[in-house]
Protein backbone atom coordinates (compact mmCIF):
# COMPACT_ATOMS: atom_id res chain seq x y z
CA MET A 1 89.43 126.89 81.35
CA GLU A 2 91.87 124.79 79.70
CA THR A 3 94.63 127.05 79.27
CA VAL A 4 95.81 130.11 80.94
CA GLN A 5 95.47 132.43 77.85
CA GLU A 6 91.47 131.78 78.07
CA LEU A 7 91.55 133.96 81.58
CA ILE A 8 92.35 137.23 80.11
CA PRO A 9 89.63 137.27 77.67
CA LEU A 10 87.14 136.33 80.32
CA ALA A 11 88.74 138.90 82.75
CA ARG A 12 87.97 141.76 79.91
CA GLU A 13 84.33 140.06 79.03
CA MET A 14 83.46 140.36 82.84
CA VAL A 15 84.53 143.90 82.70
CA ALA A 16 82.87 144.81 79.69
CA GLN A 17 79.71 143.26 81.21
CA ARG A 18 79.92 144.92 84.64
CA PRO A 19 78.99 142.18 86.74
CA LYS A 20 77.51 142.57 90.34
CA GLY A 21 79.41 143.09 93.33
CA LYS A 22 78.57 139.26 94.78
CA LEU A 23 79.47 138.04 91.45
CA VAL A 24 82.85 139.28 91.68
CA LYS A 25 83.46 138.41 95.06
CA LEU A 26 82.41 134.64 94.00
CA TYR A 27 84.74 134.46 91.02
CA VAL A 28 87.84 136.12 93.17
CA LEU A 29 87.01 133.51 95.91
CA GLY A 30 87.08 130.60 93.64
CA SER A 31 90.34 131.89 92.01
CA VAL A 32 92.00 132.51 95.55
CA LEU A 33 90.87 128.83 96.49
CA ALA A 34 92.15 127.62 93.30
CA LEU A 35 95.35 128.76 93.75
CA PHE A 36 95.64 127.77 97.09
CA GLY A 37 94.95 124.04 95.89
CA VAL A 38 97.64 124.40 93.25
CA VAL A 39 100.17 125.39 95.92
CA LEU A 40 99.59 122.73 98.47
CA GLY A 41 99.68 120.50 95.26
CA LEU A 42 103.16 121.81 94.42
CA VAL A 43 104.07 121.75 98.41
CA GLU A 44 103.13 117.96 98.87
CA THR A 45 105.00 117.23 95.53
CA VAL A 46 108.14 118.46 96.50
CA CYS A 47 108.02 117.33 100.48
CA SER A 48 106.60 113.53 99.72
CA PRO A 49 110.37 112.22 98.78
CA PHE A 50 111.17 113.62 102.32
CA THR A 51 108.02 111.88 104.36
CA ALA A 52 108.39 108.71 102.69
CA ALA A 53 112.35 108.27 103.45
CA SER A 54 111.21 109.03 107.17
CA ARG A 55 108.43 106.60 107.13
CA LEU A 56 110.66 103.96 105.74
CA ARG A 57 113.30 104.78 108.38
CA ASP A 58 111.01 104.42 111.25
CA GLU A 59 109.42 101.07 110.03
CA GLU A 60 113.14 99.89 109.68
CA ALA A 61 113.68 100.83 113.18
CA ALA A 62 110.18 99.26 114.52
CA VAL A 63 111.59 95.84 112.34
CA ALA A 64 115.16 95.98 114.10
CA GLU A 65 113.38 96.49 117.69
CA LEU A 66 111.37 93.76 116.98
CA GLN A 67 114.38 91.49 115.90
CA ALA A 68 115.85 92.35 119.02
CA ALA A 69 112.91 91.65 121.62
CA ARG A 70 112.50 88.27 119.89
CA ARG A 71 116.24 87.52 120.06
CA ARG A 72 116.29 88.63 123.78
CA GLN A 73 113.18 86.32 124.19
CA ALA A 74 114.60 83.22 122.54
CA LEU A 75 117.75 83.86 124.52
CA GLY A 76 115.60 84.01 128.09
CA THR A 77 113.51 80.90 127.16
CA ARG A 78 116.44 78.59 126.94
CA ALA A 79 116.29 76.20 129.84
CA PRO A 80 118.04 73.29 130.92
CA PRO A 81 117.73 69.92 129.24
CA GLU A 82 115.92 68.61 132.63
CA LYS A 83 113.50 71.62 132.97
CA ARG A 84 112.71 71.18 129.36
CA LYS A 85 111.83 67.56 129.86
CA GLN A 86 109.61 68.74 132.84
CA ARG A 87 107.72 71.21 130.46
CA GLU A 88 107.51 68.60 127.59
CA ALA A 89 105.71 66.39 130.29
CA VAL A 90 103.29 68.82 131.67
CA LEU A 91 102.40 69.84 128.16
CA GLY A 92 101.89 66.49 126.73
CA ALA A 93 99.76 65.44 129.65
CA ARG A 94 96.04 65.80 128.71
CA ASP A 95 94.16 68.58 130.46
CA PRO A 96 91.63 67.03 133.14
CA SER A 97 88.98 69.34 131.92
CA LEU A 98 88.73 68.04 128.08
CA ARG A 99 88.61 64.52 129.49
CA PRO A 100 85.18 62.99 128.47
CA PRO A 101 83.14 62.06 131.67
CA ALA A 102 83.69 58.17 132.76
CA SER A 103 80.76 55.71 131.89
């Protein structure tokens, strides 16, 4: 079925052949499912710009929150010069568990 104009001749042919009830029910079910798919596709097409905008806002809010947390952490980790020297000395020292055994 490439065009809608083919539906009317198909319906006339089906009525002329007097199909069984099960076959008619099957055609009706298929038509209803196809129509339902078309409606869902249209709704998705119409609503997609709004959902994309809300996702973008959510991502921007998450990035802003992450940047704020990093700023707070950076401000909190600043230490006086004496403590920084102590930390560098501790970090610069070799870990005893990594030393090779004495010979």
